[in-house]
Amino acid sequence: MTIVITPVDETPNRKAPIGAAQATVSFDADPRHVETARRVAADVLGEAGVRDRDAIGAVQLLVSEIVTNAIVHGSADSVSLRLSCDDRAEILIEVDDHSPGSPEVREAGPEDESGRGMRLVAHFAREWGRKGTCTWCTVAAGPAAAG
């Protein structure tokens, strides 16, 4: 597995404290790779200059939930994650499980050990959906402090 985080805009005179960055990574559909996906998300946001810990935590949570959902419910041997942050701190998370099924927001009972992931996505993401075999969501990190 190779992870490359790419700064998208390296314009030296940009006024915003946020730069654009993106990463794409594919990995085996193994739950051990959820932590890798979380690290990739933090690294992309760090490269882009996002310093808001709440935003970083929310993005990592969404990545965890969507990647876990893809691993548990997808029928493919691999999962692909693409995460991008533009210069306005608009974050796009895309997880492709290469499976035809769609995620559902479910009502999990208090004793259920699972079934809350897509409810969290629906709550924290500004928008989310499914296009083909890819589940995506967007998050606005808002203004970030330069650091």
C-alpha atoms as a PDB file:
ATOM      1  CA  MET A   1       0.000   0.000   0.000  1.00  0.00           C
ATOM      2  CA  THR A   2       1.429   3.345  -1.064  1.00  0.00           C
ATOM      3  CA  ILE A   3       0.052   6.554   0.346  1.00  0.00           C
ATOM      4  CA  VAL A   4       0.847   9.798  -1.421  1.00  0.00           C
ATOM      5  CA  ILE A   5      -0.495  13.066  -0.077  1.00  0.00           C
ATOM      6  CA  THR A   6      -0.389  15.719  -2.733  1.00  0.00           C
ATOM      7  CA  PRO A   7      -0.541  19.452  -2.119  1.00  0.00           C
ATOM      8  CA  VAL A   8      -2.821  20.691  -4.864  1.00  0.00           C
ATOM      9  CA  ASP A   9      -2.005  24.391  -4.796  1.00  0.00           C
ATOM     10  CA  GLU A  10       1.457  25.560  -3.894  1.00  0.00           C
ATOM     11  CA  THR A  11       0.927  29.176  -4.928  1.00  0.00           C
ATOM     12  CA  PRO A  12       3.332  31.123  -2.697  1.00  0.00           C
ATOM     13  CA  ASN A  13       1.156  34.256  -2.500  1.00  0.00           C
ATOM     14  CA  ARG A  14      -2.166  32.693  -1.533  1.00  0.00           C
ATOM     15  CA  LYS A  15      -3.952  34.677   1.151  1.00  0.00           C
ATOM     16  CA  ALA A  16      -5.946  31.896   2.794  1.00  0.00           C
ATOM     17  CA  PRO A  17      -4.286  29.920   5.594  1.00  0.00           C
ATOM     18  CA  ILE A  18      -5.648  26.741   3.997  1.00  0.00           C
ATOM     19  CA  GLY A  19      -4.028  25.050   1.036  1.00  0.00           C
ATOM     20  CA  ALA A  20      -5.490  22.234  -0.966  1.00  0.00           C
ATOM     21  CA  ALA A  21      -4.328  18.661  -0.482  1.00  0.00           C
ATOM     22  CA  GLN A  22      -5.548  15.228  -1.450  1.00  0.00           C
ATOM     23  CA  ALA A  23      -4.716  11.561  -1.079  1.00  0.00           C
ATOM     24  CA  THR A  24      -5.909   8.352  -2.647  1.00  0.00           C
ATOM     25  CA  VAL A  25      -5.194   4.965  -1.138  1.00  0.00           C
ATOM     26  CA  SER A  26      -6.477   1.450  -1.759  1.00  0.00           C
ATOM     27  CA  PHE A  27      -6.161  -1.359   0.728  1.00  0.00           C
ATOM     28  CA  ASP A  28      -7.405  -4.859   1.470  1.00  0.00           C
ATOM     29  CA  ALA A  29     -10.866  -5.007   3.017  1.00  0.00           C
ATOM     30  CA  ASP A  30      -9.400  -5.680   6.442  1.00  0.00           C
ATOM     31  CA  PRO A  31     -10.551  -3.864   9.604  1.00  0.00           C
ATOM     32  CA  ARG A  32      -6.922  -3.211  10.554  1.00  0.00           C
ATOM     33  CA  HIS A  33      -6.774  -0.642   7.748  1.00  0.00           C
ATOM     34  CA  VAL A  34      -9.393   1.624   9.331  1.00  0.00           C
ATOM     35  CA  GLU A  35      -6.666   3.184  11.493  1.00  0.00           C
ATOM     36  CA  THR A  36      -4.553   3.746   8.369  1.00  0.00           C
ATOM     37  CA  ALA A  37      -7.492   5.556   6.771  1.00  0.00           C
ATOM     38  CA  ARG A  38      -7.825   7.771   9.872  1.00  0.00           C
ATOM     39  CA  ARG A  39      -4.119   8.644   9.705  1.00  0.00           C
ATOM     40  CA  VAL A  40      -4.379   9.482   6.012  1.00  0.00           C
ATOM     41  CA  ALA A  41      -7.273  11.832   6.805  1.00  0.00           C
ATOM     42  CA  ALA A  42      -5.279  13.601   9.525  1.00  0.00           C
ATOM     43  CA  ASP A  43      -2.237  13.847   7.255  1.00  0.00           C
ATOM     44  CA  VAL A  44      -4.214  15.365   4.374  1.00  0.00           C
ATOM     45  CA  LEU A  45      -5.816  17.929   6.657  1.00  0.00           C
ATOM     46  CA  GLY A  46      -2.446  18.711   8.217  1.00  0.00           C
ATOM     47  CA  GLU A  47      -0.898  19.196   4.782  1.00  0.00           C
ATOM     48  CA  ALA A  48      -3.764  21.524   3.878  1.00  0.00           C
ATOM     49  CA  GLY A  49      -3.241  23.563   7.047  1.00  0.00           C
ATOM     50  CA  VAL A  50      -6.448  22.607   8.868  1.00  0.00           C
ATOM     51  CA  ARG A  51      -5.739  22.995  12.603  1.00  0.00           C
ATOM     52  CA  ASP A  52      -9.281  22.803  13.999  1.00  0.00           C
ATOM     53  CA  ARG A  53      -9.185  19.685  16.194  1.00  0.00           C
ATOM     54  CA  ASP A  54     -12.978  19.311  16.115  1.00  0.00           C
ATOM     55  CA  ALA A  55     -12.983  19.331  12.306  1.00  0.00           C
ATOM     56  CA  ILE A  56     -10.111  16.850  12.163  1.00  0.00           C
ATOM     57  CA  GLY A  57     -11.898  14.586  14.652  1.00  0.00           C
ATOM     58  CA  ALA A  58     -15.157  14.785  12.696  1.00  0.00           C
ATOM     59  CA  VAL A  59     -13.404  13.910   9.433  1.00  0.00           C
ATOM     60  CA  GLN A  60     -11.591  11.004  11.069  1.00  0.00           C
ATOM     61  CA  LEU A  61     -14.875   9.754  12.539  1.00  0.00           C
ATOM     62  CA  LEU A  62     -16.601   9.915   9.144  1.00  0.00           C
ATOM     63  CA  VAL A  63     -13.684   8.180   7.432  1.00  0.00           C
ATOM     64  CA  SER A  64     -13.757   5.455  10.110  1.00  0.00           C
ATOM     65  CA  GLU A  65     -17.481   4.909   9.774  1.00  0.00           C
ATOM     66  CA  ILE A  66     -17.606   4.829   5.972  1.00  0.00           C
ATOM     67  CA  VAL A  67     -14.474   2.681   5.612  1.00  0.00           C
ATOM     68  CA  THR A  68     -15.731   0.268   8.285  1.00  0.00           C
ATOM     69  CA  ASN A  69     -19.100   0.090   6.544  1.00  0.00           C
ATOM     70  CA  ALA A  70     -17.353  -0.665   3.238  1.00  0.00           C
ATOM     71  CA  ILE A  71     -15.238  -3.404   4.822  1.00  0.00           C
ATOM     72  CA  VAL A  72     -18.086  -5.032   6.759  1.00  0.00           C
ATOM     73  CA  HIS A  73     -20.868  -4.746   4.177  1.00  0.00           C
ATOM     74  CA  GLY A  74     -18.994  -4.531   0.865  1.00  0.00           C
ATOM     75  CA  SER A  75     -18.434  -7.637  -1.186  1.00  0.00           C
ATOM     76  CA  ALA A  76     -15.057  -6.760  -2.687  1.00  0.00           C
ATOM     77  CA  ASP A  77     -11.571  -7.681  -1.538  1.00  0.00           C
ATOM     78  CA  SER A  78     -10.416  -4.059  -1.497  1.00  0.00           C
ATOM     79  CA  VAL A  79     -11.553  -0.592  -0.506  1.00  0.00           C
ATOM     80  CA  SER A  80     -10.391   2.732  -1.955  1.00  0.00           C
ATOM     81  CA  LEU A  81     -10.316   6.013  -0.060  1.00  0.00           C
ATOM     82  CA  ARG A  82      -9.963   9.409  -1.682  1.00  0.00           C
ATOM     83  CA  LEU A  83      -9.871  12.439   0.550  1.00  0.00           C
ATOM     84  CA  SER A  84      -9.451  15.991  -0.663  1.00  0.00           C
ATOM     85  CA  CYS A  85      -9.448  19.375   1.011  1.00  0.00           C
ATOM     86  CA  ASP A  86      -9.717  22.529  -1.055  1.00  0.00           C
ATOM     87  CA  ASP A  87      -8.409  25.988  -0.206  1.00  0.00           C
ATOM     88  CA  ARG A  88     -11.698  26.880   1.531  1.00  0.00           C
ATOM     89  CA  ALA A  89     -11.381  23.874   3.895  1.00  0.00           C
ATOM     90  CA  GLU A  90     -14.161  22.014   2.080  1.00  0.00           C
ATOM     91  CA  ILE A  91     -13.411  18.346   2.583  1.00  0.00           C
ATOM     92  CA  LEU A  92     -14.632  15.562   0.329  1.00  0.00           C
ATOM     93  CA  ILE A  93     -14.424  11.963   1.547  1.00  0.00           C
ATOM     94  CA  GLU A  94     -15.006   9.210  -1.018  1.00  0.00           C
ATOM     95  CA  VAL A  95     -14.909   5.510  -0.161  1.00  0.00           C
ATOM     96  CA  ASP A  96     -15.359   2.976  -2.935  1.00  0.00           C
ATOM     97  CA  ASP A  97     -16.207  -0.539  -1.803  1.00  0.00           C
ATOM     98  CA  HIS A  98     -16.621  -1.778  -5.393  1.00  0.00           C
ATOM     99  CA  SER A  99     -20.003  -3.250  -4.406  1.00  0.00           C
ATOM    100  CA  PRO A 100     -23.456  -2.519  -5.801  1.00  0.00           C
ATOM    101  CA  GLY A 101     -25.249  -2.162  -2.429  1.00  0.00           C
ATOM    102  CA  SER A 102     -26.025   1.163  -0.792  1.00  0.00           C
ATOM    103  CA  PRO A 103     -25.549   2.138   2.847  1.00  0.00           C
ATOM    104  CA  GLU A 104     -28.629   2.828   4.916  1.00  0.00           C
ATOM    105  CA  VAL A 105     -29.256   5.039   7.908  1.00  0.00           C
ATOM    106  CA  ARG A 106     -30.672   2.623  10.478  1.00  0.00           C
ATOM    107  CA  GLU A 107     -32.287   2.930  13.875  1.00  0.00           C
ATOM    108  CA  ALA A 108     -30.060   0.998  16.262  1.00  0.00           C
ATOM    109  CA  GLY A 109     -31.470   0.069  19.637  1.00  0.00           C
ATOM    110  CA  PRO A 110     -29.655   0.854  22.887  1.00  0.00           C
ATOM    111  CA  GLU A 111     -28.369  -2.720  23.156  1.00  0.00           C
ATOM    112  CA  ASP A 112     -27.262  -3.024  19.509  1.00  0.00           C
ATOM    113  CA  GLU A 113     -23.505  -3.208  19.025  1.00  0.00           C
ATOM    114  CA  SER A 114     -23.634  -1.850  15.480  1.00  0.00           C
ATOM    115  CA  GLY A 115     -25.899   0.054  13.136  1.00  0.00           C
ATOM    116  CA  ARG A 116     -25.007   3.641  14.036  1.00  0.00           C
ATOM    117  CA  GLY A 117     -22.314   4.416  11.470  1.00  0.00           C
ATOM    118  CA  MET A 118     -24.397   5.944   8.716  1.00  0.00           C
ATOM    119  CA  ARG A 119     -26.487   7.839  11.274  1.00  0.00           C
ATOM    120  CA  LEU A 120     -23.222   9.485  12.409  1.00  0.00           C
ATOM    121  CA  VAL A 121     -22.364  10.257   8.796  1.00  0.00           C
ATOM    122  CA  ALA A 122     -25.799  11.793   8.221  1.00  0.00           C
ATOM    123  CA  HIS A 123     -25.400  13.889  11.372  1.00  0.00           C
ATOM    124  CA  PHE A 124     -21.834  15.182  10.933  1.00  0.00           C
ATOM    125  CA  ALA A 125     -21.576  15.463   7.146  1.00  0.00           C
ATOM    126  CA  ARG A 126     -22.944  18.495   5.369  1.00  0.00           C
ATOM    127  CA  GLU A 127     -24.035  16.216   2.511  1.00  0.00           C
ATOM    128  CA  TRP A 128     -23.608  12.541   1.753  1.00  0.00           C
ATOM    129  CA  GLY A 129     -24.678  10.067  -0.855  1.00  0.00           C
ATOM    130  CA  ARG A 130     -23.795   7.205  -3.103  1.00  0.00           C
ATOM    131  CA  LYS A 131     -22.580   7.395  -6.688  1.00  0.00           C
ATOM    132  CA  GLY A 132     -22.034   4.041  -8.348  1.00  0.00           C
ATOM    133  CA  THR A 133     -20.041   1.979  -5.867  1.00  0.00           C
ATOM    134  CA  CYS A 134     -18.694   5.012  -4.010  1.00  0.00           C
ATOM    135  CA  THR A 135     -20.101   6.461  -0.791  1.00  0.00           C
ATOM    136  CA  TRP A 136     -19.148  10.113  -0.374  1.00  0.00           C
ATOM    137  CA  CYS A 137     -19.673  12.931   2.076  1.00  0.00           C
ATOM    138  CA  THR A 138     -18.604  16.526   2.519  1.00  0.00           C
ATOM    139  CA  VAL A 139     -17.494  18.411   5.602  1.00  0.00           C
ATOM    140  CA  ALA A 140     -16.791  22.108   5.995  1.00  0.00           C
ATOM    141  CA  ALA A 141     -13.845  22.627   8.349  1.00  0.00           C
ATOM    142  CA  GLY A 142     -14.433  26.366   8.275  1.00  0.00           C
ATOM    143  CA  PRO A 143     -11.722  28.916   8.826  1.00  0.00           C
ATOM    144  CA  ALA A 144      -8.610  27.337  10.226  1.00  0.00           C
ATOM    145  CA  ALA A 145      -5.924  28.950  12.253  1.00  0.00           C
ATOM    146  CA  ALA A 146      -2.580  29.193  10.567  1.00  0.00           C
ATOM    147  CA  GLY A 147      -0.089  27.159  12.377  1.00  0.00           C
END
